[in-house]
Amino acid sequence: MKRPLAAALLAEFLGTAGLLCAVIGSGIMAERLSGGNVGITLLANTLATVFALYVLIEVLAPVSGAHFNPVVTLALFARRLFSPAAKAAVPLYIVAQLSGAAAGAWLANAMFELQLVQLASKVRGGWGQWLGEFVATAGLMVVILRAPAGRGAGLVACYIGAAYWFTSSTSFANPAAVAGRMLSDSFAGIAPQSALGFVGAELAGGAAGCLVAWALGRQVVEVEAPAG
């Protein structure tokens, strides 16, 4: 069912905000409760992210397609999976996602009584973590483009949960997530100087994932963004 563009943009804003709030907020809570055990902190962070992502996709996919990720939006556009009337919405989707990521980070900071506006200090980088982001994003795109009808939410959530642990970068796989995580100096944060390497790896991984999906054959499900 087609939805007005305004509703689709609101869904992308709220979905990305909810996702970043879950990622950052659960990281803060887990770090406070884990007694310094980083493994338990990451496990709690993973579970909260998986559950939140599944719910957000299920609830908002009928409105906007539930991208919550500029790489996903750009990849679907490149694969010509936007309807012709919806192509003009691509930049607006990305603006809504980036704005939502910032809002989600600020909301998490506020809930845990941290300084509202801050920058992360956790440096993440090196070829191993960049490769991890490449792998995480490529795999995410293959899952999205190959997911059978009605199973996308569960498969995406499960993949991200697994990639938290099998990738060296803990699977950001999303430039909007990088932008939001820069705004919270907490367990899930990433220092601004580390952002460019992550985003570059994600864009390259997204392109590679699209090529793999193309090599495997026609997508099982074609996803179209709602037109205004």
N, C-alpha and C. Protein backbone atom coordinates (compact mmCIF):
# COMPACT_ATOMS: atom_id res chain seq x y z
N MET A 1 0.84 -1.18 0.00
CA MET A 1 0.00 0.00 0.00
C MET A 1 0.89 1.24 0.00
N LYS A 2 0.58 2.20 -0.88
CA LYS A 2 1.33 3.44 -0.93
C LYS A 2 0.98 4.31 0.27
N ARG A 3 1.97 4.98 0.81
CA ARG A 3 1.77 5.91 1.91
C ARG A 3 2.30 7.26 1.49
N PRO A 4 1.76 8.35 2.04
CA PRO A 4 2.28 9.67 1.72
C PRO A 4 3.77 9.77 2.05
N LEU A 5 4.47 10.56 1.26
CA LEU A 5 5.90 10.71 1.47
C LEU A 5 6.21 11.24 2.87
N ALA A 6 5.40 12.16 3.36
CA ALA A 6 5.65 12.71 4.70
C ALA A 6 5.64 11.61 5.75
N ALA A 7 4.71 10.66 5.63
CA ALA A 7 4.64 9.56 6.59
C ALA A 7 5.86 8.65 6.45
N ALA A 8 6.32 8.44 5.22
CA ALA A 8 7.49 7.61 5.00
C ALA A 8 8.73 8.25 5.62
N LEU A 9 8.89 9.56 5.45
CA LEU A 9 10.04 10.25 6.03
C LEU A 9 9.97 10.23 7.55
N LEU A 10 8.78 10.39 8.09
CA LEU A 10 8.63 10.31 9.55
C LEU A 10 9.00 8.92 10.05
N ALA A 11 8.59 7.90 9.31
CA ALA A 11 8.93 6.52 9.70
C ALA A 11 10.44 6.30 9.67
N GLU A 12 11.12 6.83 8.65
CA GLU A 12 12.57 6.69 8.59
C GLU A 12 13.25 7.43 9.74
N PHE A 13 12.74 8.62 10.05
CA PHE A 13 13.29 9.38 11.18
C PHE A 13 13.09 8.62 12.48
N LEU A 14 11.87 8.19 12.75
CA LEU A 14 11.56 7.51 14.01
C LEU A 14 12.27 6.15 14.10
N GLY A 15 12.31 5.44 13.00
CA GLY A 15 12.96 4.12 13.02
C GLY A 15 14.44 4.22 13.28
N THR A 16 15.11 5.18 12.62
CA THR A 16 16.55 5.34 12.84
C THR A 16 16.81 5.87 14.25
N ALA A 17 15.96 6.78 14.70
CA ALA A 17 16.10 7.29 16.07
C ALA A 17 15.92 6.16 17.09
N GLY A 18 14.91 5.33 16.88
CA GLY A 18 14.68 4.21 17.80
C GLY A 18 15.83 3.23 17.80
N LEU A 19 16.37 2.96 16.62
CA LEU A 19 17.49 2.03 16.53
C LEU A 19 18.72 2.56 17.26
N LEU A 20 19.06 3.83 17.03
CA LEU A 20 20.24 4.40 17.69
C LEU A 20 20.02 4.55 19.18
N CYS A 21 18.81 4.87 19.59
CA CYS A 21 18.52 4.97 21.02
C CYS A 21 18.71 3.60 21.68
N ALA A 22 18.28 2.54 20.99
CA ALA A 22 18.43 1.19 21.53
C ALA A 22 19.90 0.79 21.59
N VAL A 23 20.64 1.07 20.53
CA VAL A 23 22.07 0.71 20.49
C VAL A 23 22.85 1.43 21.58
N ILE A 24 22.66 2.74 21.66
CA ILE A 24 23.44 3.54 22.61
C ILE A 24 22.93 3.35 24.03
N GLY A 25 21.62 3.39 24.21
CA GLY A 25 21.05 3.25 25.55
C GLY A 25 21.37 1.91 26.18
N SER A 26 21.26 0.83 25.40
CA SER A 26 21.56 -0.49 25.96
C SER A 26 23.05 -0.61 26.27
N GLY A 27 23.89 0.06 25.47
CA GLY A 27 25.32 0.05 25.77
C GLY A 27 25.63 0.75 27.09
N ILE A 28 24.97 1.87 27.32
CA ILE A 28 25.18 2.60 28.58
C ILE A 28 24.69 1.78 29.77
N MET A 29 23.47 1.23 29.65
CA MET A 29 22.91 0.43 30.74
C MET A 29 23.77 -0.80 31.02
N ALA A 30 24.17 -1.50 29.96
CA ALA A 30 24.96 -2.72 30.14
C ALA A 30 26.30 -2.41 30.77
N GLU A 31 26.92 -1.32 30.35
CA GLU A 31 28.22 -0.96 30.91
C GLU A 31 28.10 -0.65 32.40
N ARG A 32 27.01 -0.03 32.80
CA ARG A 32 26.81 0.30 34.21
C ARG A 32 26.55 -0.94 35.07
N LEU A 33 25.92 -1.94 34.47
CA LEU A 33 25.51 -3.11 35.25
C LEU A 33 26.47 -4.29 35.17
N SER A 34 27.39 -4.27 34.21
CA SER A 34 28.19 -5.46 33.95
C SER A 34 29.43 -5.58 34.82
N GLY A 35 29.71 -4.58 35.63
CA GLY A 35 30.88 -4.65 36.50
C GLY A 35 32.19 -4.70 35.75
N GLY A 36 32.25 -4.09 34.59
CA GLY A 36 33.49 -4.06 33.83
C GLY A 36 33.70 -5.24 32.90
N ASN A 37 32.75 -6.16 32.83
CA ASN A 37 32.88 -7.32 31.94
C ASN A 37 32.43 -6.90 30.53
N VAL A 38 33.39 -6.72 29.64
CA VAL A 38 33.08 -6.21 28.31
C VAL A 38 32.26 -7.22 27.50
N GLY A 39 32.51 -8.50 27.71
CA GLY A 39 31.76 -9.52 27.00
C GLY A 39 30.28 -9.48 27.33
N ILE A 40 29.95 -9.34 28.61
CA ILE A 40 28.55 -9.24 29.01
C ILE A 40 27.93 -7.95 28.48
N THR A 41 28.70 -6.88 28.50
CA THR A 41 28.21 -5.61 27.97
C THR A 41 27.85 -5.75 26.50
N LEU A 42 28.73 -6.36 25.72
CA LEU A 42 28.47 -6.53 24.29
C LEU A 42 27.29 -7.45 24.06
N LEU A 43 27.16 -8.49 24.87
CA LEU A 43 26.03 -9.42 24.71
C LEU A 43 24.71 -8.70 24.96
N ALA A 44 24.64 -7.93 26.03
CA ALA A 44 23.41 -7.19 26.32
C ALA A 44 23.12 -6.17 25.23
N ASN A 45 24.15 -5.49 24.76
CA ASN A 45 24.00 -4.52 23.68
C ASN A 45 23.47 -5.20 22.41
N THR A 46 23.99 -6.39 22.12
CA THR A 46 23.55 -7.16 20.95
C THR A 46 22.08 -7.53 21.05
N LEU A 47 21.68 -8.09 22.19
CA LEU A 47 20.30 -8.55 22.34
C LEU A 47 19.31 -7.40 22.21
N ALA A 48 19.61 -6.28 22.85
CA ALA A 48 18.71 -5.13 22.76
C ALA A 48 18.60 -4.63 21.33
N THR A 49 19.73 -4.60 20.62
CA THR A 49 19.71 -4.14 19.23
C THR A 49 18.90 -5.07 18.35
N VAL A 50 19.07 -6.37 18.51
CA VAL A 50 18.34 -7.35 17.71
C VAL A 50 16.84 -7.22 17.93
N PHE A 51 16.42 -7.16 19.17
CA PHE A 51 14.99 -7.07 19.46
C PHE A 51 14.40 -5.77 18.92
N ALA A 52 15.10 -4.66 19.16
CA ALA A 52 14.60 -3.36 18.71
C ALA A 52 14.52 -3.31 17.18
N LEU A 53 15.55 -3.81 16.51
CA LEU A 53 15.58 -3.77 15.06
C LEU A 53 14.44 -4.58 14.46
N TYR A 54 14.19 -5.76 15.02
CA TYR A 54 13.09 -6.59 14.51
C TYR A 54 11.75 -5.85 14.65
N VAL A 55 11.51 -5.29 15.81
CA VAL A 55 10.23 -4.61 16.05
C VAL A 55 10.09 -3.39 15.14
N LEU A 56 11.15 -2.60 15.02
CA LEU A 56 11.09 -1.39 14.20
C LEU A 56 10.83 -1.73 12.74
N ILE A 57 11.48 -2.76 12.22
CA ILE A 57 11.25 -3.15 10.82
C ILE A 57 9.81 -3.63 10.63
N GLU A 58 9.34 -4.48 11.54
CA GLU A 58 7.98 -5.00 11.41
C GLU A 58 6.94 -3.88 11.44
N VAL A 59 7.14 -2.92 12.32
CA VAL A 59 6.15 -1.86 12.51
C VAL A 59 6.20 -0.83 11.38
N LEU A 60 7.40 -0.49 10.92
CA LEU A 60 7.55 0.64 10.01
C LEU A 60 7.77 0.26 8.54
N ALA A 61 8.06 -0.98 8.26
CA ALA A 61 8.28 -1.38 6.86
C ALA A 61 7.08 -1.07 5.96
N PRO A 62 5.84 -1.25 6.41
CA PRO A 62 4.72 -0.93 5.53
C PRO A 62 4.61 0.56 5.20
N VAL A 63 5.26 1.40 5.99
CA VAL A 63 5.16 2.85 5.78
C VAL A 63 6.28 3.37 4.89
N SER A 64 7.52 2.93 5.16
CA SER A 64 8.67 3.50 4.44
C SER A 64 9.58 2.48 3.79
N GLY A 65 9.37 1.21 4.07
CA GLY A 65 10.33 0.19 3.66
C GLY A 65 11.34 -0.13 4.74
N ALA A 66 11.37 0.70 5.82
CA ALA A 66 12.24 0.47 6.98
C ALA A 66 13.70 0.31 6.58
N HIS A 67 14.22 1.31 5.88
CA HIS A 67 15.64 1.29 5.51
C HIS A 67 16.52 1.58 6.72
N PHE A 68 16.30 2.75 7.35
CA PHE A 68 17.07 3.21 8.52
C PHE A 68 18.57 3.28 8.24
N ASN A 69 18.96 3.37 6.98
CA ASN A 69 20.36 3.19 6.62
C ASN A 69 20.60 3.79 5.23
N PRO A 70 21.43 4.83 5.10
CA PRO A 70 21.68 5.40 3.78
C PRO A 70 22.24 4.42 2.76
N VAL A 71 23.04 3.46 3.20
CA VAL A 71 23.56 2.47 2.26
C VAL A 71 22.43 1.65 1.66
N VAL A 72 21.47 1.27 2.47
CA VAL A 72 20.32 0.51 1.98
C VAL A 72 19.53 1.35 0.99
N THR A 73 19.26 2.60 1.33
CA THR A 73 18.51 3.49 0.44
C THR A 73 19.23 3.66 -0.89
N LEU A 74 20.53 3.92 -0.85
CA LEU A 74 21.30 4.11 -2.09
C LEU A 74 21.37 2.82 -2.90
N ALA A 75 21.51 1.69 -2.22
CA ALA A 75 21.60 0.41 -2.93
C ALA A 75 20.28 0.07 -3.63
N LEU A 76 19.18 0.30 -2.95
CA LEU A 76 17.88 0.02 -3.57
C LEU A 76 17.63 0.95 -4.75
N PHE A 77 18.08 2.19 -4.62
CA PHE A 77 17.97 3.14 -5.74
C PHE A 77 18.83 2.66 -6.91
N ALA A 78 20.05 2.26 -6.63
CA ALA A 78 20.94 1.79 -7.69
C ALA A 78 20.42 0.54 -8.37
N ARG A 79 19.74 -0.30 -7.61
CA ARG A 79 19.17 -1.53 -8.17
C ARG A 79 17.81 -1.29 -8.81
N ARG A 80 17.40 -0.02 -8.89
CA ARG A 80 16.14 0.39 -9.53
C ARG A 80 14.94 -0.25 -8.86
N LEU A 81 15.01 -0.33 -7.54
CA LEU A 81 13.90 -0.91 -6.77
C LEU A 81 13.00 0.15 -6.16
N PHE A 82 13.30 1.41 -6.42
CA PHE A 82 12.35 2.47 -6.09
C PHE A 82 11.40 2.64 -7.27
N SER A 83 10.15 2.88 -6.97
CA SER A 83 9.22 3.21 -8.05
C SER A 83 9.64 4.54 -8.66
N PRO A 84 9.34 4.80 -9.94
CA PRO A 84 9.75 6.06 -10.57
C PRO A 84 9.32 7.30 -9.78
N ALA A 85 8.13 7.27 -9.23
CA ALA A 85 7.63 8.44 -8.49
C ALA A 85 8.37 8.66 -7.18
N ALA A 86 9.03 7.60 -6.68
CA ALA A 86 9.68 7.70 -5.37
C ALA A 86 11.16 8.05 -5.46
N LYS A 87 11.72 8.11 -6.66
CA LYS A 87 13.16 8.35 -6.80
C LYS A 87 13.58 9.68 -6.18
N ALA A 88 12.74 10.69 -6.31
CA ALA A 88 13.08 12.01 -5.77
C ALA A 88 13.16 12.01 -4.25
N ALA A 89 12.64 10.95 -3.62
CA ALA A 89 12.64 10.88 -2.15
C ALA A 89 13.96 10.40 -1.59
N VAL A 90 14.88 9.91 -2.44
CA VAL A 90 16.13 9.33 -1.93
C VAL A 90 16.91 10.30 -1.04
N PRO A 91 17.18 11.54 -1.48
CA PRO A 91 17.91 12.46 -0.58
C PRO A 91 17.15 12.75 0.70
N LEU A 92 15.82 12.83 0.61
CA LEU A 92 15.02 13.10 1.80
C LEU A 92 15.07 11.94 2.78
N TYR A 93 15.10 10.72 2.26
CA TYR A 93 15.25 9.54 3.12
C TYR A 93 16.55 9.64 3.92
N ILE A 94 17.63 9.99 3.23
CA ILE A 94 18.94 10.04 3.89
C ILE A 94 18.98 11.14 4.94
N VAL A 95 18.40 12.29 4.63
CA VAL A 95 18.32 13.37 5.62
C VAL A 95 17.52 12.91 6.84
N ALA A 96 16.39 12.24 6.61
CA ALA A 96 15.57 11.75 7.73
C ALA A 96 16.34 10.75 8.57
N GLN A 97 17.11 9.87 7.93
CA GLN A 97 17.88 8.87 8.66
C GLN A 97 18.98 9.50 9.51
N LEU A 98 19.71 10.44 8.93
CA LEU A 98 20.79 11.09 9.68
C LEU A 98 20.22 11.93 10.83
N SER A 99 19.12 12.62 10.57
CA SER A 99 18.48 13.40 11.63
C SER A 99 17.97 12.49 12.74
N GLY A 100 17.38 11.37 12.36
CA GLY A 100 16.89 10.42 13.36
C GLY A 100 18.01 9.83 14.18
N ALA A 101 19.15 9.56 13.55
CA ALA A 101 20.30 9.01 14.29
C ALA A 101 20.76 9.99 15.36
N ALA A 102 20.85 11.27 15.01
CA ALA A 102 21.25 12.28 16.00
C ALA A 102 20.23 12.37 17.12
N ALA A 103 18.95 12.37 16.77
CA ALA A 103 17.91 12.45 17.78
C ALA A 103 17.94 11.25 18.73
N GLY A 104 18.18 10.06 18.18
CA GLY A 104 18.25 8.86 19.01
C GLY A 104 19.41 8.89 19.97
N ALA A 105 20.55 9.40 19.50
CA ALA A 105 21.72 9.51 20.38
C ALA A 105 21.46 10.50 21.51
N TRP A 106 20.90 11.65 21.17
CA TRP A 106 20.61 12.66 22.20
C TRP A 106 19.58 12.16 23.20
N LEU A 107 18.59 11.40 22.71
CA LEU A 107 17.59 10.85 23.63
C LEU A 107 18.22 9.86 24.60
N ALA A 108 19.10 9.00 24.10
CA ALA A 108 19.78 8.05 24.99
C ALA A 108 20.62 8.79 26.02
N ASN A 109 21.36 9.81 25.58
CA ASN A 109 22.15 10.60 26.53
C ASN A 109 21.26 11.20 27.60
N ALA A 110 20.13 11.75 27.18
CA ALA A 110 19.24 12.42 28.13
C ALA A 110 18.65 11.43 29.13
N MET A 111 18.24 10.26 28.66
CA MET A 111 17.62 9.27 29.56
C MET A 111 18.58 8.83 30.66
N PHE A 112 19.86 8.75 30.33
CA PHE A 112 20.83 8.31 31.32
C PHE A 112 21.56 9.47 31.98
N GLU A 113 20.98 10.66 31.85
CA GLU A 113 21.46 11.87 32.53
C GLU A 113 22.92 12.18 32.21
N LEU A 114 23.27 11.96 30.95
CA LEU A 114 24.58 12.35 30.46
C LEU A 114 24.47 13.70 29.78
N GLN A 115 25.60 14.32 29.52
CA GLN A 115 25.59 15.58 28.78
C GLN A 115 24.90 15.36 27.45
N LEU A 116 23.92 16.19 27.14
CA LEU A 116 23.09 15.97 25.96
C LEU A 116 23.93 16.02 24.68
N VAL A 117 24.70 17.07 24.51
CA VAL A 117 25.52 17.23 23.30
C VAL A 117 26.97 16.90 23.65
N GLN A 118 27.50 15.87 23.03
CA GLN A 118 28.86 15.43 23.30
C GLN A 118 29.40 14.69 22.08
N LEU A 119 30.69 14.48 22.05
CA LEU A 119 31.31 13.70 20.99
C LEU A 119 32.02 12.50 21.61
N ALA A 120 31.96 11.38 20.92
CA ALA A 120 32.59 10.16 21.41
C ALA A 120 34.11 10.27 21.33
N SER A 121 34.79 9.57 22.21
CA SER A 121 36.25 9.57 22.23
C SER A 121 36.84 8.20 21.89
N LYS A 122 35.98 7.20 21.67
CA LYS A 122 36.48 5.85 21.42
C LYS A 122 36.98 5.74 19.98
N VAL A 123 38.28 5.55 19.84
CA VAL A 123 38.89 5.44 18.51
C VAL A 123 38.71 4.01 18.00
N ARG A 124 38.19 3.89 16.81
CA ARG A 124 38.02 2.60 16.15
C ARG A 124 38.63 2.72 14.76
N GLY A 125 39.47 1.81 14.37
CA GLY A 125 40.07 1.92 13.05
C GLY A 125 41.07 0.83 12.79
N GLY A 126 41.76 0.94 11.68
CA GLY A 126 42.69 -0.08 11.25
C GLY A 126 42.06 -0.96 10.19
N TRP A 127 42.90 -1.59 9.37
CA TRP A 127 42.37 -2.35 8.24
C TRP A 127 41.47 -3.50 8.68
N GLY A 128 41.73 -4.08 9.86
CA GLY A 128 40.89 -5.18 10.33
C GLY A 128 39.46 -4.74 10.59
N GLN A 129 39.29 -3.61 11.26
CA GLN A 129 37.93 -3.12 11.53
C GLN A 129 37.26 -2.61 10.26
N TRP A 130 38.04 -2.00 9.36
CA TRP A 130 37.44 -1.57 8.10
C TRP A 130 36.98 -2.76 7.28
N LEU A 131 37.78 -3.83 7.30
CA LEU A 131 37.36 -5.05 6.61
C LEU A 131 36.10 -5.62 7.27
N GLY A 132 36.04 -5.55 8.61
CA GLY A 132 34.86 -6.01 9.31
C GLY A 132 33.61 -5.25 8.88
N GLU A 133 33.73 -3.93 8.73
CA GLU A 133 32.59 -3.13 8.28
C GLU A 133 32.21 -3.46 6.84
N PHE A 134 33.22 -3.69 6.01
CA PHE A 134 32.95 -4.10 4.62
C PHE A 134 32.14 -5.40 4.60
N VAL A 135 32.59 -6.40 5.35
CA VAL A 135 31.92 -7.69 5.40
C VAL A 135 30.51 -7.54 5.98
N ALA A 136 30.39 -6.80 7.07
CA ALA A 136 29.09 -6.64 7.72
C ALA A 136 28.07 -6.00 6.78
N THR A 137 28.48 -4.97 6.06
CA THR A 137 27.55 -4.26 5.19
C THR A 137 27.24 -5.07 3.94
N ALA A 138 28.24 -5.74 3.39
CA ALA A 138 27.99 -6.59 2.22
C ALA A 138 27.00 -7.69 2.57
N GLY A 139 27.20 -8.32 3.70
CA GLY A 139 26.28 -9.38 4.11
C GLY A 139 24.88 -8.86 4.36
N LEU A 140 24.79 -7.68 4.96
CA LEU A 140 23.47 -7.09 5.21
C LEU A 140 22.72 -6.86 3.91
N MET A 141 23.41 -6.35 2.89
CA MET A 141 22.74 -6.10 1.62
C MET A 141 22.29 -7.40 0.95
N VAL A 142 23.10 -8.44 1.04
CA VAL A 142 22.68 -9.72 0.48
C VAL A 142 21.43 -10.23 1.18
N VAL A 143 21.40 -10.12 2.50
CA VAL A 143 20.22 -10.56 3.26
C VAL A 143 18.99 -9.76 2.84
N ILE A 144 19.12 -8.44 2.76
CA ILE A 144 17.98 -7.60 2.40
C ILE A 144 17.47 -7.93 1.00
N LEU A 145 18.39 -8.08 0.05
CA LEU A 145 17.98 -8.29 -1.33
C LEU A 145 17.52 -9.71 -1.62
N ARG A 146 17.88 -10.66 -0.76
CA ARG A 146 17.51 -12.05 -1.00
C ARG A 146 16.47 -12.59 -0.03
N ALA A 147 16.04 -11.77 0.93
CA ALA A 147 15.09 -12.26 1.94
C ALA A 147 13.76 -12.64 1.31
N PRO A 148 13.23 -13.82 1.60
CA PRO A 148 11.91 -14.18 1.11
C PRO A 148 10.84 -13.25 1.68
N ALA A 149 9.75 -13.12 0.99
CA ALA A 149 8.67 -12.22 1.39
C ALA A 149 8.22 -12.52 2.81
N GLY A 150 8.13 -11.48 3.62
CA GLY A 150 7.63 -11.61 4.98
C GLY A 150 8.66 -12.04 6.00
N ARG A 151 9.89 -12.30 5.58
CA ARG A 151 10.91 -12.78 6.50
C ARG A 151 12.06 -11.80 6.69
N GLY A 152 11.98 -10.65 6.05
CA GLY A 152 13.08 -9.70 6.10
C GLY A 152 13.43 -9.23 7.48
N ALA A 153 12.42 -8.90 8.29
CA ALA A 153 12.69 -8.36 9.63
C ALA A 153 13.49 -9.34 10.47
N GLY A 154 13.05 -10.58 10.50
CA GLY A 154 13.74 -11.58 11.31
C GLY A 154 15.13 -11.88 10.80
N LEU A 155 15.27 -11.97 9.48
CA LEU A 155 16.58 -12.29 8.92
C LEU A 155 17.57 -11.15 9.12
N VAL A 156 17.13 -9.92 8.92
CA VAL A 156 18.03 -8.77 9.12
C VAL A 156 18.45 -8.68 10.58
N ALA A 157 17.48 -8.81 11.50
CA ALA A 157 17.80 -8.73 12.92
C ALA A 157 18.76 -9.84 13.34
N CYS A 158 18.52 -11.05 12.87
CA CYS A 158 19.41 -12.16 13.22
C CYS A 158 20.81 -11.95 12.64
N TYR A 159 20.88 -11.47 11.41
CA TYR A 159 22.18 -11.24 10.79
C TYR A 159 22.98 -10.19 11.56
N ILE A 160 22.34 -9.07 11.90
CA ILE A 160 23.04 -8.02 12.64
C ILE A 160 23.50 -8.54 14.00
N GLY A 161 22.65 -9.32 14.66
CA GLY A 161 23.04 -9.89 15.95
C GLY A 161 24.26 -10.78 15.83
N ALA A 162 24.29 -11.61 14.79
CA ALA A 162 25.45 -12.47 14.58
C ALA A 162 26.69 -11.65 14.22
N ALA A 163 26.49 -10.63 13.37
CA ALA A 163 27.63 -9.84 12.90
C ALA A 163 28.24 -8.99 14.00
N TYR A 164 27.47 -8.70 15.06
CA TYR A 164 28.05 -8.03 16.23
C TYR A 164 29.25 -8.83 16.76
N TRP A 165 29.17 -10.15 16.59
CA TRP A 165 30.18 -11.02 17.19
C TRP A 165 31.18 -11.57 16.20
N PHE A 166 30.82 -11.75 14.92
CA PHE A 166 31.81 -12.34 14.01
C PHE A 166 32.59 -11.30 13.22
N THR A 167 32.24 -10.02 13.35
CA THR A 167 33.04 -8.99 12.70
C THR A 167 33.87 -8.23 13.75
N SER A 168 35.05 -7.80 13.34
CA SER A 168 35.94 -7.10 14.26
C SER A 168 35.43 -5.72 14.64
N SER A 169 34.52 -5.17 13.84
CA SER A 169 34.01 -3.81 14.06
C SER A 169 32.73 -3.78 14.88
N THR A 170 32.20 -4.95 15.23
CA THR A 170 30.88 -5.12 15.88
C THR A 170 29.75 -4.61 15.01
N SER A 171 29.95 -4.60 13.70
CA SER A 171 28.88 -4.45 12.72
C SER A 171 28.03 -3.20 12.89
N PHE A 172 28.62 -2.04 12.61
CA PHE A 172 27.80 -0.84 12.48
C PHE A 172 26.95 -0.97 11.21
N ALA A 173 27.63 -1.22 10.08
CA ALA A 173 26.98 -1.50 8.78
C ALA A 173 26.01 -0.42 8.34
N ASN A 174 26.25 0.83 8.76
CA ASN A 174 25.24 1.87 8.56
C ASN A 174 25.86 3.24 8.81
N PRO A 175 26.01 4.09 7.79
CA PRO A 175 26.56 5.42 8.03
C PRO A 175 25.75 6.26 9.00
N ALA A 176 24.43 6.07 9.03
CA ALA A 176 23.61 6.80 10.01
C ALA A 176 23.96 6.36 11.42
N ALA A 177 24.24 5.07 11.61
CA ALA A 177 24.66 4.58 12.93
C ALA A 177 25.99 5.19 13.33
N VAL A 178 26.89 5.33 12.36
CA VAL A 178 28.17 5.99 12.65
C VAL A 178 27.93 7.42 13.11
N ALA A 179 27.07 8.14 12.39
CA ALA A 179 26.79 9.53 12.73
C ALA A 179 26.19 9.65 14.13
N GLY A 180 25.24 8.77 14.45
CA GLY A 180 24.63 8.82 15.77
C GLY A 180 25.59 8.43 16.88
N ARG A 181 26.38 7.40 16.65
CA ARG A 181 27.31 6.93 17.68
C ARG A 181 28.42 7.95 17.97
N MET A 182 28.70 8.82 17.01
CA MET A 182 29.68 9.87 17.27
C MET A 182 29.19 10.84 18.35
N LEU A 183 27.89 10.88 18.58
CA LEU A 183 27.30 11.88 19.46
C LEU A 183 27.07 11.39 20.88
N SER A 184 27.66 10.24 21.22
CA SER A 184 27.55 9.72 22.58
C SER A 184 28.88 9.10 23.00
N ASP A 185 29.50 9.67 24.01
CA ASP A 185 30.79 9.17 24.49
C ASP A 185 30.55 8.03 25.47
N SER A 186 30.13 6.89 24.91
CA SER A 186 29.73 5.75 25.73
C SER A 186 30.24 4.47 25.07
N PHE A 187 29.79 3.33 25.57
CA PHE A 187 30.27 2.04 25.09
C PHE A 187 30.13 1.90 23.58
N ALA A 188 29.03 2.37 23.02
CA ALA A 188 28.75 2.19 21.59
C ALA A 188 29.33 3.30 20.73
N GLY A 189 30.02 4.27 21.32
CA GLY A 189 30.47 5.43 20.58
C GLY A 189 31.61 5.15 19.61
N ILE A 190 31.80 6.10 18.69
CA ILE A 190 32.93 6.07 17.77
C ILE A 190 33.43 7.50 17.63
N ALA A 191 34.73 7.69 17.78
CA ALA A 191 35.31 9.03 17.69
C ALA A 191 35.16 9.58 16.27
N PRO A 192 34.91 10.88 16.15
CA PRO A 192 34.74 11.47 14.81
C PRO A 192 35.88 11.17 13.85
N GLN A 193 37.11 11.11 14.34
CA GLN A 193 38.24 10.84 13.45
C GLN A 193 38.24 9.43 12.90
N SER A 194 37.43 8.56 13.48
CA SER A 194 37.33 7.18 12.99
C SER A 194 36.19 7.00 12.00
N ALA A 195 35.33 8.00 11.87
CA ALA A 195 34.09 7.84 11.12
C ALA A 195 34.32 7.63 9.63
N LEU A 196 35.24 8.38 9.05
CA LEU A 196 35.41 8.33 7.60
C LEU A 196 35.79 6.93 7.12
N GLY A 197 36.70 6.27 7.83
CA GLY A 197 37.09 4.92 7.45
C GLY A 197 35.93 3.95 7.51
N PHE A 198 35.10 4.08 8.55
CA PHE A 198 33.94 3.20 8.69
C PHE A 198 32.94 3.44 7.56
N VAL A 199 32.63 4.70 7.29
CA VAL A 199 31.65 5.00 6.25
C VAL A 199 32.14 4.55 4.88
N GLY A 200 33.42 4.77 4.58
CA GLY A 200 33.97 4.31 3.31
C GLY A 200 33.87 2.80 3.16
N ALA A 201 34.17 2.07 4.23
CA ALA A 201 34.07 0.61 4.19
C ALA A 201 32.62 0.16 4.02
N GLU A 202 31.69 0.87 4.64
CA GLU A 202 30.28 0.52 4.51
C GLU A 202 29.76 0.75 3.09
N LEU A 203 30.16 1.86 2.48
CA LEU A 203 29.73 2.13 1.11
C LEU A 203 30.30 1.08 0.15
N ALA A 204 31.58 0.74 0.35
CA ALA A 204 32.18 -0.30 -0.50
C ALA A 204 31.51 -1.65 -0.26
N GLY A 205 31.23 -1.96 1.01
CA GLY A 205 30.57 -3.22 1.31
C GLY A 205 29.16 -3.29 0.74
N GLY A 206 28.44 -2.17 0.79
CA GLY A 206 27.10 -2.14 0.21
C GLY A 206 27.13 -2.43 -1.28
N ALA A 207 28.09 -1.82 -1.97
CA ALA A 207 28.23 -2.07 -3.41
C ALA A 207 28.57 -3.54 -3.69
N ALA A 208 29.47 -4.09 -2.89
CA ALA A 208 29.84 -5.50 -3.07
C ALA A 208 28.65 -6.42 -2.80
N GLY A 209 27.87 -6.10 -1.77
CA GLY A 209 26.69 -6.91 -1.47
C GLY A 209 25.69 -6.91 -2.61
N CYS A 210 25.52 -5.74 -3.25
CA CYS A 210 24.61 -5.66 -4.39
C CYS A 210 25.11 -6.53 -5.55
N LEU A 211 26.42 -6.53 -5.76
CA LEU A 211 26.98 -7.35 -6.84
C LEU A 211 26.79 -8.84 -6.56
N VAL A 212 26.96 -9.23 -5.30
CA VAL A 212 26.76 -10.64 -4.94
C VAL A 212 25.29 -11.02 -5.15
N ALA A 213 24.38 -10.15 -4.71
CA ALA A 213 22.95 -10.43 -4.88
C ALA A 213 22.60 -10.54 -6.37
N TRP A 214 23.20 -9.67 -7.19
CA TRP A 214 22.97 -9.73 -8.64
C TRP A 214 23.51 -11.04 -9.21
N ALA A 215 24.68 -11.47 -8.75
CA ALA A 215 25.28 -12.70 -9.26
C ALA A 215 24.45 -13.93 -8.90
N LEU A 216 23.75 -13.84 -7.77
CA LEU A 216 22.91 -14.96 -7.34
C LEU A 216 21.60 -15.04 -8.12
N GLY A 217 21.27 -13.99 -8.84
CA GLY A 217 20.04 -13.99 -9.63
C GLY A 217 19.07 -12.94 -9.16
N ARG A 218 17.93 -12.91 -9.78
CA ARG A 218 16.91 -11.90 -9.48
C ARG A 218 16.51 -11.97 -8.02
N GLN A 219 16.32 -10.80 -7.41
CA GLN A 219 15.92 -10.73 -6.02
C GLN A 219 14.59 -11.45 -5.81
N VAL A 220 14.47 -12.08 -4.65
CA VAL A 220 13.22 -12.73 -4.31
C VAL A 220 12.13 -11.69 -4.09
N VAL A 221 12.50 -10.58 -3.48
CA VAL A 221 11.53 -9.53 -3.16
C VAL A 221 12.05 -8.21 -3.69
N GLU A 222 11.24 -7.47 -4.41
CA GLU A 222 11.59 -6.14 -4.85
C GLU A 222 10.92 -5.14 -3.91
N VAL A 223 11.74 -4.26 -3.36
CA VAL A 223 11.25 -3.32 -2.35
C VAL A 223 11.12 -1.96 -2.98
N GLU A 224 9.96 -1.34 -2.83
CA GLU A 224 9.75 -0.01 -3.34
C GLU A 224 9.45 0.93 -2.19
N ALA A 225 10.03 2.12 -2.24
CA ALA A 225 9.70 3.14 -1.25
C ALA A 225 8.37 3.76 -1.60
N PRO A 226 7.58 4.13 -0.60
CA PRO A 226 6.30 4.78 -0.87
C PRO A 226 6.50 6.11 -1.58
N ALA A 227 5.65 6.42 -2.48
CA ALA A 227 5.72 7.70 -3.19
C ALA A 227 4.79 8.71 -2.53
N GLY A 228 5.16 9.96 -2.65
CA GLY A 228 4.31 11.02 -2.11
C GLY A 228 3.13 11.30 -3.01
